Amino acid sequence: MKHTIFYTFAIIAIGFLLFLNFRHGKTDIGNQEVIHTSEAPEPIGPYSQAIRKGNAYFISGQVAINPKSGKLDTTDITTETKQVMNNIKAILVSAHLNMNDISKTTIYLTDLKNFKIVNDIYGTFFGAGPFPARETVQVVALPKGAHIEISAIAVKE
């Protein structure tokens, strides 16, 4: 009888701890943690919105999918860029980080003619800086017909 009570209590305690992790959008997997928020789009494939490994956070490439509607808004590059940056920001907030914790980004554009517009909008999300290290690459196509995708690496000291 004592063992049954002990095992029941242990199962309830483990379930409660798992509930707390899921409730906060975090799931521990070995020595890494899955970061997930409903404030950013659901992954459209077999990947996570972000993964924490140690004090580094690897944020998957974000396109301009509105998390509320689930729809990609390709009205113009300004609208797309703002939504992409807001998606990244939402993932960071869910991990208790902010834009200034980003150390590196990669921007993928289907047309480098949009570089100046993207660059101007991107810069507003970091205030006066410091700005992350970055590269911008032109690609032939992006998922769902997007014109921009941005991935990021953040580090929390």
C-alpha atoms as a PDB file:
ATOM      1  CA  MET A   1       0.000   0.000   0.000  1.00  0.00           C
ATOM      2  CA  LYS A   2       2.837   2.413   0.868  1.00  0.00           C
ATOM      3  CA  HIS A   3       4.493   1.791  -2.509  1.00  0.00           C
ATOM      4  CA  THR A   4       1.248   2.450  -4.365  1.00  0.00           C
ATOM      5  CA  ILE A   5       0.814   5.790  -2.607  1.00  0.00           C
ATOM      6  CA  PHE A   6       4.451   6.701  -3.278  1.00  0.00           C
ATOM      7  CA  TYR A   7       4.193   5.833  -6.998  1.00  0.00           C
ATOM      8  CA  THR A   8       0.893   7.685  -7.335  1.00  0.00           C
ATOM      9  CA  PHE A   9       2.406  10.759  -5.708  1.00  0.00           C
ATOM     10  CA  ALA A  10       5.515  10.532  -7.932  1.00  0.00           C
ATOM     11  CA  ILE A  11       3.412  10.296 -11.099  1.00  0.00           C
ATOM     12  CA  ILE A  12       1.295  13.282 -10.029  1.00  0.00           C
ATOM     13  CA  ALA A  13       4.427  15.325  -9.222  1.00  0.00           C
ATOM     14  CA  ILE A  14       6.068  14.512 -12.564  1.00  0.00           C
ATOM     15  CA  GLY A  15       2.833  15.342 -14.391  1.00  0.00           C
ATOM     16  CA  PHE A  16       2.601  18.668 -12.582  1.00  0.00           C
ATOM     17  CA  LEU A  17       6.199  19.581 -13.487  1.00  0.00           C
ATOM     18  CA  LEU A  18       5.592  18.690 -17.141  1.00  0.00           C
ATOM     19  CA  PHE A  19       2.394  20.773 -17.072  1.00  0.00           C
ATOM     20  CA  LEU A  20       4.335  23.786 -15.789  1.00  0.00           C
ATOM     21  CA  ASN A  21       6.921  23.425 -18.556  1.00  0.00           C
ATOM     22  CA  PHE A  22       4.293  23.115 -21.308  1.00  0.00           C
ATOM     23  CA  ARG A  23       2.279  25.980 -19.841  1.00  0.00           C
ATOM     24  CA  HIS A  24       5.256  28.281 -20.217  1.00  0.00           C
ATOM     25  CA  GLY A  25       5.930  27.140 -23.774  1.00  0.00           C
ATOM     26  CA  LYS A  26       9.046  25.198 -22.872  1.00  0.00           C
ATOM     27  CA  THR A  27       9.780  21.509 -23.107  1.00  0.00           C
ATOM     28  CA  ASP A  28      13.064  20.039 -21.901  1.00  0.00           C
ATOM     29  CA  ILE A  29      14.558  17.395 -24.190  1.00  0.00           C
ATOM     30  CA  GLY A  30      17.815  16.133 -22.772  1.00  0.00           C
ATOM     31  CA  ASN A  31      20.119  19.119 -22.477  1.00  0.00           C
ATOM     32  CA  GLN A  32      18.089  21.315 -24.812  1.00  0.00           C
ATOM     33  CA  GLU A  33      14.754  23.051 -24.468  1.00  0.00           C
ATOM     34  CA  VAL A  34      12.032  23.578 -27.070  1.00  0.00           C
ATOM     35  CA  ILE A  35      10.706  27.149 -27.095  1.00  0.00           C
ATOM     36  CA  HIS A  36       7.144  27.554 -28.350  1.00  0.00           C
ATOM     37  CA  THR A  37       4.571  30.345 -28.253  1.00  0.00           C
ATOM     38  CA  SER A  38       1.133  30.834 -29.756  1.00  0.00           C
ATOM     39  CA  GLU A  39       2.186  34.456 -30.411  1.00  0.00           C
ATOM     40  CA  ALA A  40       4.322  33.287 -33.360  1.00  0.00           C
ATOM     41  CA  PRO A  41       3.290  31.058 -36.284  1.00  0.00           C
ATOM     42  CA  GLU A  42       3.126  27.319 -35.799  1.00  0.00           C
ATOM     43  CA  PRO A  43       5.973  25.522 -37.587  1.00  0.00           C
ATOM     44  CA  ILE A  44       4.995  24.452 -41.111  1.00  0.00           C
ATOM     45  CA  GLY A  45       7.267  21.418 -41.015  1.00  0.00           C
ATOM     46  CA  PRO A  46       9.222  19.143 -38.680  1.00  0.00           C
ATOM     47  CA  TYR A  47      11.052  21.845 -36.719  1.00  0.00           C
ATOM     48  CA  SER A  48      10.640  23.958 -33.589  1.00  0.00           C
ATOM     49  CA  GLN A  49      10.094  27.708 -33.383  1.00  0.00           C
ATOM     50  CA  ALA A  50      13.283  27.831 -31.323  1.00  0.00           C
ATOM     51  CA  ILE A  51      15.646  25.623 -29.346  1.00  0.00           C
ATOM     52  CA  ARG A  52      17.684  26.604 -26.288  1.00  0.00           C
ATOM     53  CA  LYS A  53      20.964  24.796 -25.816  1.00  0.00           C
ATOM     54  CA  GLY A  54      22.885  26.137 -22.829  1.00  0.00           C
ATOM     55  CA  ASN A  55      22.583  29.902 -22.973  1.00  0.00           C
ATOM     56  CA  ALA A  56      22.152  29.993 -26.778  1.00  0.00           C
ATOM     57  CA  TYR A  57      18.746  30.226 -28.446  1.00  0.00           C
ATOM     58  CA  PHE A  58      18.412  29.144 -32.083  1.00  0.00           C
ATOM     59  CA  ILE A  59      15.343  30.721 -33.675  1.00  0.00           C
ATOM     60  CA  SER A  60      14.065  29.061 -36.829  1.00  0.00           C
ATOM     61  CA  GLY A  61      13.575  31.113 -39.961  1.00  0.00           C
ATOM     62  CA  GLN A  62      10.398  33.157 -39.732  1.00  0.00           C
ATOM     63  CA  VAL A  63       8.231  34.223 -42.640  1.00  0.00           C
ATOM     64  CA  ALA A  64       5.349  36.720 -42.530  1.00  0.00           C
ATOM     65  CA  ILE A  65       2.669  34.343 -41.293  1.00  0.00           C
ATOM     66  CA  ASN A  66       0.281  36.106 -38.957  1.00  0.00           C
ATOM     67  CA  PRO A  67      -0.013  33.831 -35.889  1.00  0.00           C
ATOM     68  CA  LYS A  68      -3.651  34.840 -35.277  1.00  0.00           C
ATOM     69  CA  SER A  69      -4.934  34.060 -38.785  1.00  0.00           C
ATOM     70  CA  GLY A  70      -2.302  31.523 -39.871  1.00  0.00           C
ATOM     71  CA  LYS A  71      -2.095  33.321 -43.202  1.00  0.00           C
ATOM     72  CA  LEU A  72       0.964  34.656 -45.017  1.00  0.00           C
ATOM     73  CA  ASP A  73       0.653  38.370 -45.799  1.00  0.00           C
ATOM     74  CA  THR A  74       2.666  39.264 -48.904  1.00  0.00           C
ATOM     75  CA  THR A  75       0.992  42.650 -49.450  1.00  0.00           C
ATOM     76  CA  ASP A  76       4.415  44.312 -49.724  1.00  0.00           C
ATOM     77  CA  ILE A  77       7.954  43.891 -48.407  1.00  0.00           C
ATOM     78  CA  THR A  78       7.326  46.431 -45.614  1.00  0.00           C
ATOM     79  CA  THR A  79       4.370  44.449 -44.250  1.00  0.00           C
ATOM     80  CA  GLU A  80       6.263  41.166 -44.595  1.00  0.00           C
ATOM     81  CA  THR A  81       9.384  42.438 -42.855  1.00  0.00           C
ATOM     82  CA  LYS A  82       7.447  43.876 -39.903  1.00  0.00           C
ATOM     83  CA  GLN A  83       5.536  40.611 -39.417  1.00  0.00           C
ATOM     84  CA  VAL A  84       8.733  38.540 -39.607  1.00  0.00           C
ATOM     85  CA  MET A  85      10.421  40.737 -37.003  1.00  0.00           C
ATOM     86  CA  ASN A  86       7.338  40.651 -34.767  1.00  0.00           C
ATOM     87  CA  ASN A  87       7.319  36.842 -34.993  1.00  0.00           C
ATOM     88  CA  ILE A  88      10.967  36.719 -33.911  1.00  0.00           C
ATOM     89  CA  LYS A  89      10.262  39.170 -31.095  1.00  0.00           C
ATOM     90  CA  ALA A  90       7.321  37.034 -29.859  1.00  0.00           C
ATOM     91  CA  ILE A  91       9.530  33.938 -29.698  1.00  0.00           C
ATOM     92  CA  LEU A  92      12.183  35.871 -27.783  1.00  0.00           C
ATOM     93  CA  VAL A  93       9.627  37.253 -25.319  1.00  0.00           C
ATOM     94  CA  SER A  94       8.314  33.741 -24.650  1.00  0.00           C
ATOM     95  CA  ALA A  95      11.889  32.762 -23.706  1.00  0.00           C
ATOM     96  CA  HIS A  96      12.278  35.885 -21.500  1.00  0.00           C
ATOM     97  CA  LEU A  97      14.678  37.478 -23.981  1.00  0.00           C
ATOM     98  CA  ASN A  98      14.589  40.684 -25.998  1.00  0.00           C
ATOM     99  CA  MET A  99      15.853  41.848 -29.378  1.00  0.00           C
ATOM    100  CA  ASN A 100      19.167  43.021 -27.908  1.00  0.00           C
ATOM    101  CA  ASP A 101      19.931  39.415 -26.908  1.00  0.00           C
ATOM    102  CA  ILE A 102      20.217  38.506 -30.607  1.00  0.00           C
ATOM    103  CA  SER A 103      23.837  37.917 -31.600  1.00  0.00           C
ATOM    104  CA  LYS A 104      23.376  36.828 -35.215  1.00  0.00           C
ATOM    105  CA  THR A 105      20.723  36.854 -37.924  1.00  0.00           C
ATOM    106  CA  THR A 106      20.464  35.571 -41.450  1.00  0.00           C
ATOM    107  CA  ILE A 107      18.118  37.317 -43.866  1.00  0.00           C
ATOM    108  CA  TYR A 108      16.925  35.544 -46.983  1.00  0.00           C
ATOM    109  CA  LEU A 109      15.359  37.710 -49.708  1.00  0.00           C
ATOM    110  CA  THR A 110      13.920  36.689 -53.048  1.00  0.00           C
ATOM    111  CA  ASP A 111      14.938  40.101 -54.438  1.00  0.00           C
ATOM    112  CA  LEU A 112      17.939  42.092 -53.173  1.00  0.00           C
ATOM    113  CA  LYS A 113      16.330  45.217 -54.610  1.00  0.00           C
ATOM    114  CA  ASN A 114      14.319  45.190 -51.365  1.00  0.00           C
ATOM    115  CA  PHE A 115      17.481  45.323 -49.241  1.00  0.00           C
ATOM    116  CA  LYS A 116      17.219  49.020 -48.279  1.00  0.00           C
ATOM    117  CA  ILE A 117      13.564  48.768 -47.207  1.00  0.00           C
ATOM    118  CA  VAL A 118      14.235  45.605 -45.209  1.00  0.00           C
ATOM    119  CA  ASN A 119      17.373  47.077 -43.674  1.00  0.00           C
ATOM    120  CA  ASP A 120      15.549  50.226 -42.537  1.00  0.00           C
ATOM    121  CA  ILE A 121      12.688  48.285 -40.907  1.00  0.00           C
ATOM    122  CA  TYR A 122      15.023  45.670 -39.416  1.00  0.00           C
ATOM    123  CA  GLY A 123      17.094  48.410 -37.756  1.00  0.00           C
ATOM    124  CA  THR A 124      14.076  49.885 -35.955  1.00  0.00           C
ATOM    125  CA  PHE A 125      13.638  46.658 -33.969  1.00  0.00           C
ATOM    126  CA  PHE A 126      17.048  47.106 -32.317  1.00  0.00           C
ATOM    127  CA  GLY A 127      16.854  50.767 -31.332  1.00  0.00           C
ATOM    128  CA  ALA A 128      20.297  52.352 -31.144  1.00  0.00           C
ATOM    129  CA  GLY A 129      21.985  48.946 -31.091  1.00  0.00           C
ATOM    130  CA  PRO A 130      24.129  47.069 -30.637  1.00  0.00           C
ATOM    131  CA  PHE A 131      23.155  45.377 -33.857  1.00  0.00           C
ATOM    132  CA  PRO A 132      23.664  41.639 -34.379  1.00  0.00           C
ATOM    133  CA  ALA A 133      26.143  40.159 -36.811  1.00  0.00           C
ATOM    134  CA  ARG A 134      24.296  39.374 -40.025  1.00  0.00           C
ATOM    135  CA  GLU A 135      24.342  38.259 -43.613  1.00  0.00           C
ATOM    136  CA  THR A 136      21.710  38.815 -46.268  1.00  0.00           C
ATOM    137  CA  VAL A 137      21.350  36.325 -49.081  1.00  0.00           C
ATOM    138  CA  GLN A 138      19.222  36.382 -52.213  1.00  0.00           C
ATOM    139  CA  VAL A 139      17.436  33.103 -52.848  1.00  0.00           C
ATOM    140  CA  VAL A 140      15.304  31.851 -55.713  1.00  0.00           C
ATOM    141  CA  ALA A 141      12.264  31.011 -53.564  1.00  0.00           C
ATOM    142  CA  LEU A 142      11.056  30.771 -49.966  1.00  0.00           C
ATOM    143  CA  PRO A 143       8.348  28.645 -48.320  1.00  0.00           C
ATOM    144  CA  LYS A 144       4.719  29.497 -49.154  1.00  0.00           C
ATOM    145  CA  GLY A 145       5.784  32.189 -51.648  1.00  0.00           C
ATOM    146  CA  ALA A 146       7.274  34.487 -48.996  1.00  0.00           C
ATOM    147  CA  HIS A 147       9.685  37.212 -50.100  1.00  0.00           C
ATOM    148  CA  ILE A 148      11.679  37.341 -46.853  1.00  0.00           C
ATOM    149  CA  GLU A 149      12.729  34.908 -44.135  1.00  0.00           C
ATOM    150  CA  ILE A 150      14.897  35.692 -41.115  1.00  0.00           C
ATOM    151  CA  SER A 151      16.512  33.290 -38.651  1.00  0.00           C
ATOM    152  CA  ALA A 152      18.331  34.353 -35.489  1.00  0.00           C
ATOM    153  CA  ILE A 153      20.648  33.214 -32.720  1.00  0.00           C
ATOM    154  CA  ALA A 154      20.285  34.851 -29.322  1.00  0.00           C
ATOM    155  CA  VAL A 155      22.504  34.454 -26.277  1.00  0.00           C
ATOM    156  CA  LYS A 156      21.463  35.162 -22.694  1.00  0.00           C
ATOM    157  CA  GLU A 157      24.376  35.724 -20.337  1.00  0.00           C
END
